[in-house]
Amino acid sequence: MREIQTLTRRVALLVALVGLSVSACGVSAGETPVAAPVRPAPRPVVTAPPSPPPSPPPSPLATSLLVGFSGAPGTQALGEMTGDLDAAGQKLRRQIADFPHDRAVTPVVELIATTAHREPGADGMYRSRASDTTIRAYLAQARALHGLLLLNIQPGRADFLPEVQAYRQWLTQPDVGVALDPEWAVDPGVVPGRTFGHTTGAELDTVATYLGDLAQHAHLPDKVMVYHQVAATVVRDETGLTPHPGVSAVKVVDGIGSPAAKTATWKTLMTTKPPAVLPGFKLFFHEDTRHSAPLMTPTQVLDLTPHPAYILYE
């Protein structure tokens, strides 16, 4: 009997210990343990690819004819865009109104920003640069006309590329380009204005490379890059200027004289124009009409072959 009683006590004690063990695990005696919920694995985060940058607006040369005035502060000899810029802008509007209305026209303000001099200056480069205040005023006028500002470079004894790079803060604007004037780019020992200066297609190409990289990096419209040419010797080996994405190059024939003389210069200088370069033409209100010769009309200019894409008045 004692053995039965002892066995019964051991069974009761075992049951009690099991109950304590279960309670210690958070489940009351007599309850069925509930399994912990299983959390679903996190979904992988899918990152959408970045949107491609918007395409830059087309170059004005692709959609319109360019017609402009040149100038700089302080001297009417450099062109009509001088002195009262608002009055000069109104005169440019009237000039544009004389052109046929079957094609859009974009006004151009061509500021002579780097000006060649007959004195060496502090650095011996025979040139000076326009102030930010001046450039800002000319850009404001170009924008009032809904047009373009071109920074004309007469480099003296300097090279074209560093002169262009000096205006980088302005060239990052979508409506600012350059006009290179190699007639005023002279060799060491030569004073600007005494003989024609010169450049090469390869030097022009360094500027085009710089402008193209700038335009593409900032997603800007094509940079308009004009180069003026008054005689065949002024731009040598033009084939060194190659096409560049982000650049619209224009060769402006810059000769002075009667309509017949200007047309003859045009025909001569067009023979060396690289195929990707657009043609341009320059007229002089005073010099072209010195000997009672008539100034060429817009219709006469537009009838030139090939048809000019940019017409500049000085």
Protein backbone atom coordinates (compact mmCIF):
# COMPACT_ATOMS: atom_id res chain seq x y z
CA MET A 1 0.00 0.00 0.00
CA ARG A 2 2.82 2.34 0.86
CA GLU A 3 4.41 1.71 -2.55
CA ILE A 4 1.12 2.67 -4.29
CA GLN A 5 0.85 5.85 -2.22
CA THR A 6 4.47 6.77 -3.03
CA LEU A 7 3.87 6.23 -6.79
CA THR A 8 0.74 8.35 -6.66
CA ARG A 9 2.64 11.23 -5.03
CA ARG A 10 5.40 11.07 -7.67
CA VAL A 11 2.84 11.24 -10.51
CA ALA A 12 1.14 14.25 -8.89
CA LEU A 13 4.49 15.97 -8.41
CA LEU A 14 5.44 15.34 -12.05
CA VAL A 15 2.15 16.78 -13.27
CA ALA A 16 2.68 19.85 -11.09
CA LEU A 17 6.20 20.39 -12.47
CA VAL A 18 4.95 20.10 -16.06
CA GLY A 19 2.28 22.72 -15.28
CA LEU A 20 4.89 25.11 -13.90
CA SER A 21 7.07 24.58 -16.94
CA VAL A 22 4.26 25.40 -19.36
CA SER A 23 3.20 28.43 -17.33
CA ALA A 24 6.77 29.70 -17.38
CA CYS A 25 6.64 29.64 -21.17
CA GLY A 26 3.56 31.87 -21.22
CA VAL A 27 0.95 29.16 -21.84
CA SER A 28 -1.51 28.26 -19.06
CA ALA A 29 -2.03 24.67 -18.15
CA GLY A 30 -4.68 23.11 -20.26
CA GLU A 31 -4.18 25.62 -23.14
CA THR A 32 -2.89 24.73 -26.57
CA PRO A 33 0.26 26.71 -27.43
CA VAL A 34 -0.22 29.18 -30.32
CA ALA A 35 2.57 29.42 -32.83
CA ALA A 36 4.07 32.92 -33.34
CA PRO A 37 2.89 34.59 -36.57
CA VAL A 38 5.34 34.34 -39.46
CA ARG A 39 6.09 37.74 -41.06
CA PRO A 40 6.31 37.72 -44.85
CA ALA A 41 9.74 38.46 -46.29
CA PRO A 42 10.11 42.15 -47.26
CA ARG A 43 9.56 42.85 -50.92
CA PRO A 44 12.64 43.96 -52.77
CA VAL A 45 12.68 47.72 -53.43
CA VAL A 46 12.56 48.36 -57.17
CA THR A 47 14.14 51.69 -58.12
CA ALA A 48 12.88 53.16 -61.37
CA PRO A 49 15.66 54.13 -63.77
CA PRO A 50 16.27 57.90 -63.87
CA SER A 51 14.35 59.75 -66.54
CA PRO A 52 16.51 60.85 -69.45
CA PRO A 53 17.25 64.59 -69.46
CA PRO A 54 14.84 66.61 -71.58
CA SER A 55 16.00 67.34 -75.09
CA PRO A 56 17.29 70.91 -75.42
CA PRO A 57 15.23 73.32 -77.51
CA PRO A 58 16.23 73.51 -81.17
CA SER A 59 18.78 76.06 -82.27
CA PRO A 60 17.20 79.27 -83.60
CA LEU A 61 19.14 78.61 -86.81
CA ALA A 62 17.06 75.47 -87.29
CA THR A 63 13.77 77.36 -87.13
CA SER A 64 14.42 80.94 -88.24
CA LEU A 65 16.57 83.48 -90.04
CA LEU A 66 18.94 85.45 -87.81
CA VAL A 67 19.16 89.23 -88.32
CA GLY A 68 21.30 91.38 -86.05
CA PHE A 69 23.05 94.61 -85.17
CA SER A 70 26.59 94.82 -83.80
CA GLY A 71 27.94 97.38 -81.37
CA ALA A 72 29.72 98.23 -78.14
CA PRO A 73 29.49 101.04 -75.61
CA GLY A 74 30.98 104.38 -76.49
CA THR A 75 31.62 104.23 -80.22
CA GLN A 76 29.14 104.36 -83.09
CA ALA A 77 31.90 103.14 -85.43
CA LEU A 78 31.44 99.61 -84.07
CA GLY A 79 27.81 99.40 -85.10
CA GLU A 80 24.24 100.47 -84.43
CA MET A 81 23.88 98.64 -81.11
CA THR A 82 25.53 101.50 -79.24
CA GLY A 83 24.42 104.20 -76.83
CA ASP A 84 20.69 103.97 -76.08
CA LEU A 85 20.16 100.22 -76.36
CA ASP A 86 16.37 100.48 -76.29
CA ALA A 87 16.43 102.89 -79.24
CA ALA A 88 18.89 100.63 -81.07
CA GLY A 89 16.62 97.67 -80.39
CA GLN A 90 13.67 99.51 -81.92
CA LYS A 91 15.76 100.29 -84.99
CA LEU A 92 16.62 96.59 -85.29
CA ARG A 93 12.91 95.75 -85.12
CA ARG A 94 12.26 98.15 -88.01
CA GLN A 95 15.10 96.62 -90.00
CA ILE A 96 13.68 93.13 -89.47
CA ALA A 97 10.27 94.36 -90.62
CA ASP A 98 11.80 95.00 -94.09
CA PHE A 99 12.45 91.28 -94.54
CA PRO A 100 9.90 89.00 -96.21
CA HIS A 101 7.31 87.76 -93.72
CA ASP A 102 7.25 84.17 -94.95
CA ARG A 103 9.94 83.11 -92.50
CA ALA A 104 10.44 83.62 -88.77
CA VAL A 105 13.26 85.97 -87.79
CA THR A 106 15.29 85.86 -84.56
CA PRO A 107 16.92 89.18 -83.60
CA VAL A 108 20.62 89.13 -82.70
CA VAL A 109 22.59 91.56 -80.58
CA GLU A 110 26.29 91.14 -81.37
CA LEU A 111 28.30 92.82 -78.62
CA ILE A 112 32.00 93.37 -79.30
CA ALA A 113 32.99 91.95 -75.93
CA THR A 114 36.74 91.50 -76.45
CA THR A 115 38.02 94.55 -78.33
CA ALA A 116 41.41 94.74 -80.08
CA HIS A 117 43.53 97.85 -79.46
CA ARG A 118 46.66 99.45 -80.86
CA GLU A 119 48.13 99.69 -77.37
CA PRO A 120 49.41 96.58 -75.57
CA GLY A 121 47.54 96.95 -72.28
CA ALA A 122 48.73 95.62 -68.94
CA ASP A 123 49.29 92.07 -70.18
CA GLY A 124 50.62 92.92 -73.63
CA MET A 125 47.71 91.19 -75.41
CA TYR A 126 46.45 94.32 -77.25
CA ARG A 127 42.85 93.74 -76.21
CA SER A 128 40.35 94.50 -73.45
CA ARG A 129 37.27 92.67 -72.20
CA ALA A 130 33.78 94.01 -71.54
CA SER A 131 32.65 94.27 -67.95
CA ASP A 132 29.90 92.11 -66.49
CA THR A 133 27.75 95.25 -66.25
CA THR A 134 28.07 95.84 -69.99
CA ILE A 135 27.33 92.24 -70.91
CA ARG A 136 24.34 92.19 -68.58
CA ALA A 137 22.89 95.30 -70.28
CA TYR A 138 23.34 93.86 -73.78
CA LEU A 139 21.86 90.52 -72.73
CA ALA A 140 18.86 92.35 -71.28
CA GLN A 141 18.33 94.07 -74.64
CA ALA A 142 18.63 90.77 -76.53
CA ARG A 143 16.01 89.26 -74.23
CA ALA A 144 13.74 92.28 -74.62
CA LEU A 145 13.86 91.53 -78.36
CA HIS A 146 13.30 87.78 -77.72
CA GLY A 147 16.58 87.17 -79.46
CA LEU A 148 20.19 86.08 -78.98
CA LEU A 149 23.32 87.71 -77.64
CA LEU A 150 26.58 86.93 -79.44
CA LEU A 151 29.84 87.87 -77.72
CA ASN A 152 32.17 89.08 -80.46
CA ILE A 153 35.84 88.29 -79.85
CA GLN A 154 38.63 90.47 -81.32
CA PRO A 155 41.52 88.74 -79.55
CA GLY A 156 44.49 90.95 -80.46
CA ARG A 157 47.56 88.87 -79.63
CA ALA A 158 45.61 86.46 -77.41
CA ASP A 159 44.25 83.11 -78.58
CA PHE A 160 40.55 82.61 -79.23
CA LEU A 161 39.92 79.76 -76.79
CA PRO A 162 41.00 81.50 -73.56
CA GLU A 163 39.07 84.61 -74.61
CA VAL A 164 35.92 82.53 -75.07
CA GLN A 165 36.51 80.67 -71.80
CA ALA A 166 36.72 84.00 -69.99
CA TYR A 167 32.97 84.42 -70.65
CA ARG A 168 31.93 80.97 -69.39
CA GLN A 169 29.41 82.32 -66.87
CA TRP A 170 27.55 83.99 -69.73
CA LEU A 171 27.88 81.10 -72.16
CA THR A 172 26.05 78.81 -69.74
CA GLN A 173 22.95 80.88 -70.56
CA PRO A 174 20.77 79.32 -73.29
CA ASP A 175 20.61 82.49 -75.41
CA VAL A 176 24.29 83.47 -75.53
CA GLY A 177 26.79 82.45 -78.23
CA VAL A 178 30.02 83.77 -79.72
CA ALA A 179 31.25 85.54 -82.85
CA LEU A 180 34.95 85.15 -83.62
CA ASP A 181 36.67 87.93 -85.57
CA PRO A 182 40.04 86.63 -86.86
CA GLU A 183 40.72 89.83 -88.79
CA TRP A 184 41.81 91.10 -85.35
CA ALA A 185 43.80 88.01 -84.28
CA VAL A 186 47.43 88.95 -84.88
CA ASP A 187 50.80 87.26 -84.44
CA PRO A 188 53.40 88.32 -81.83
CA GLY A 189 55.02 91.57 -82.86
CA VAL A 190 52.03 92.68 -84.97
CA VAL A 191 49.74 95.53 -83.95
CA PRO A 192 46.02 94.90 -84.57
CA GLY A 193 44.53 97.00 -87.34
CA ARG A 194 47.75 97.51 -89.29
CA THR A 195 47.37 94.26 -91.22
CA PHE A 196 44.72 91.58 -91.30
CA GLY A 197 45.04 88.95 -88.61
CA HIS A 198 44.21 85.30 -89.22
CA THR A 199 43.21 81.98 -87.71
CA THR A 200 42.92 78.36 -88.83
CA GLY A 201 40.13 75.84 -89.01
CA ALA A 202 41.94 73.87 -86.29
CA GLU A 203 41.85 76.84 -83.89
CA LEU A 204 38.17 77.41 -84.62
CA ASP A 205 37.63 73.72 -83.89
CA THR A 206 39.05 74.09 -80.37
CA VAL A 207 36.38 76.70 -79.66
CA ALA A 208 33.67 74.53 -81.20
CA THR A 209 34.76 71.58 -79.04
CA TYR A 210 34.56 73.73 -75.90
CA LEU A 211 31.13 75.14 -76.78
CA GLY A 212 29.75 71.73 -77.73
CA ASP A 213 30.85 70.19 -74.43
CA LEU A 214 29.34 73.13 -72.55
CA ALA A 215 26.01 72.84 -74.36
CA GLN A 216 25.71 69.09 -73.97
CA HIS A 217 26.71 69.05 -70.30
CA ALA A 218 24.10 71.71 -69.42
CA HIS A 219 21.45 70.46 -71.93
CA LEU A 220 21.43 73.84 -73.70
CA PRO A 221 20.28 74.64 -77.23
CA ASP A 222 23.03 74.53 -79.83
CA LYS A 223 25.59 77.25 -79.23
CA VAL A 224 25.72 79.62 -82.19
CA MET A 225 29.38 80.04 -83.17
CA VAL A 226 29.94 82.68 -85.85
CA TYR A 227 33.28 83.41 -87.46
CA HIS A 228 33.78 86.47 -89.63
CA GLN A 229 35.90 86.40 -92.77
CA VAL A 230 36.84 89.44 -94.80
CA ALA A 231 39.41 87.79 -97.11
CA ALA A 232 40.59 84.31 -98.04
CA THR A 233 43.80 84.62 -95.99
CA VAL A 234 41.94 85.40 -92.77
CA VAL A 235 40.76 81.80 -92.19
CA ARG A 236 43.23 79.18 -93.35
CA ASP A 237 42.61 75.45 -93.77
CA GLU A 238 38.91 75.73 -92.91
CA THR A 239 38.43 71.99 -93.19
CA GLY A 240 40.03 71.78 -89.74
CA LEU A 241 36.69 72.99 -88.37
CA THR A 242 34.60 69.83 -87.99
CA PRO A 243 30.95 69.31 -86.96
CA HIS A 244 30.27 69.16 -83.22
CA PRO A 245 27.06 68.16 -81.42
CA GLY A 246 25.71 71.18 -79.58
CA VAL A 247 27.21 73.74 -81.98
CA SER A 248 25.73 75.60 -84.95
CA ALA A 249 28.61 77.21 -86.86
CA VAL A 250 28.11 80.16 -89.23
CA LYS A 251 30.64 81.77 -91.57
CA VAL A 252 29.86 85.47 -92.10
CA VAL A 253 31.32 87.07 -95.23
CA ASP A 254 32.52 90.43 -94.01
CA GLY A 255 33.58 92.40 -97.10
CA ILE A 256 32.88 96.09 -97.70
CA GLY A 257 31.81 97.65 -101.01
CA SER A 258 29.14 97.92 -103.66
CA PRO A 259 26.58 95.15 -104.15
CA ALA A 260 28.66 93.82 -107.05
CA ALA A 261 31.89 93.81 -105.02
CA LYS A 262 30.21 92.20 -102.02
CA THR A 263 28.62 89.52 -104.19
CA ALA A 264 32.01 88.73 -105.76
CA THR A 265 33.57 88.35 -102.29
CA TRP A 266 30.67 86.13 -101.29
CA LYS A 267 31.20 83.78 -104.20
CA THR A 268 34.93 83.53 -103.52
CA LEU A 269 34.66 82.84 -99.80
CA MET A 270 31.78 80.39 -100.09
CA THR A 271 34.01 78.00 -102.04
CA THR A 272 36.02 77.17 -98.89
CA LYS A 273 33.10 76.93 -96.45
CA PRO A 274 32.93 73.50 -94.80
CA PRO A 275 29.66 71.69 -95.66
CA ALA A 276 28.37 71.66 -92.06
CA VAL A 277 28.90 75.41 -91.64
CA LEU A 278 25.98 77.73 -92.42
CA PRO A 279 26.48 80.89 -94.52
CA GLY A 280 26.16 84.42 -93.17
CA PHE A 281 26.47 87.92 -94.66
CA LYS A 282 27.41 91.33 -93.26
CA LEU A 283 26.23 94.75 -94.41
CA PHE A 284 27.67 98.16 -93.48
CA PHE A 285 25.27 101.10 -93.37
CA HIS A 286 28.05 103.64 -93.95
CA GLU A 287 31.04 101.92 -95.58
CA ASP A 288 28.95 100.07 -98.20
CA THR A 289 27.32 103.31 -99.33
CA ARG A 290 30.32 105.68 -99.31
CA HIS A 291 30.41 106.23 -103.07
CA SER A 292 26.65 106.59 -103.49
CA ALA A 293 26.28 102.83 -103.86
CA PRO A 294 22.95 101.48 -102.64
CA LEU A 295 22.83 99.23 -99.61
CA MET A 296 21.79 95.75 -100.62
CA THR A 297 18.13 95.09 -99.85
CA PRO A 298 16.94 92.15 -97.76
CA THR A 299 15.58 90.52 -100.91
CA GLN A 300 18.92 90.87 -102.70
CA VAL A 301 20.76 89.36 -99.75
CA LEU A 302 18.34 86.45 -99.44
CA ASP A 303 18.73 85.75 -103.16
CA LEU A 304 22.45 84.96 -102.69
CA THR A 305 23.47 81.33 -103.23
CA PRO A 306 23.67 79.64 -100.81
CA HIS A 307 20.98 81.53 -98.91
CA PRO A 308 22.36 83.29 -95.81
CA ALA A 309 21.23 81.97 -92.44
CA TYR A 310 22.47 85.05 -90.53
CA ILE A 311 22.54 88.67 -91.72
CA LEU A 312 24.42 91.23 -89.64
CA TYR A 313 24.33 95.02 -89.96
CA GLU A 314 27.06 97.39 -88.77
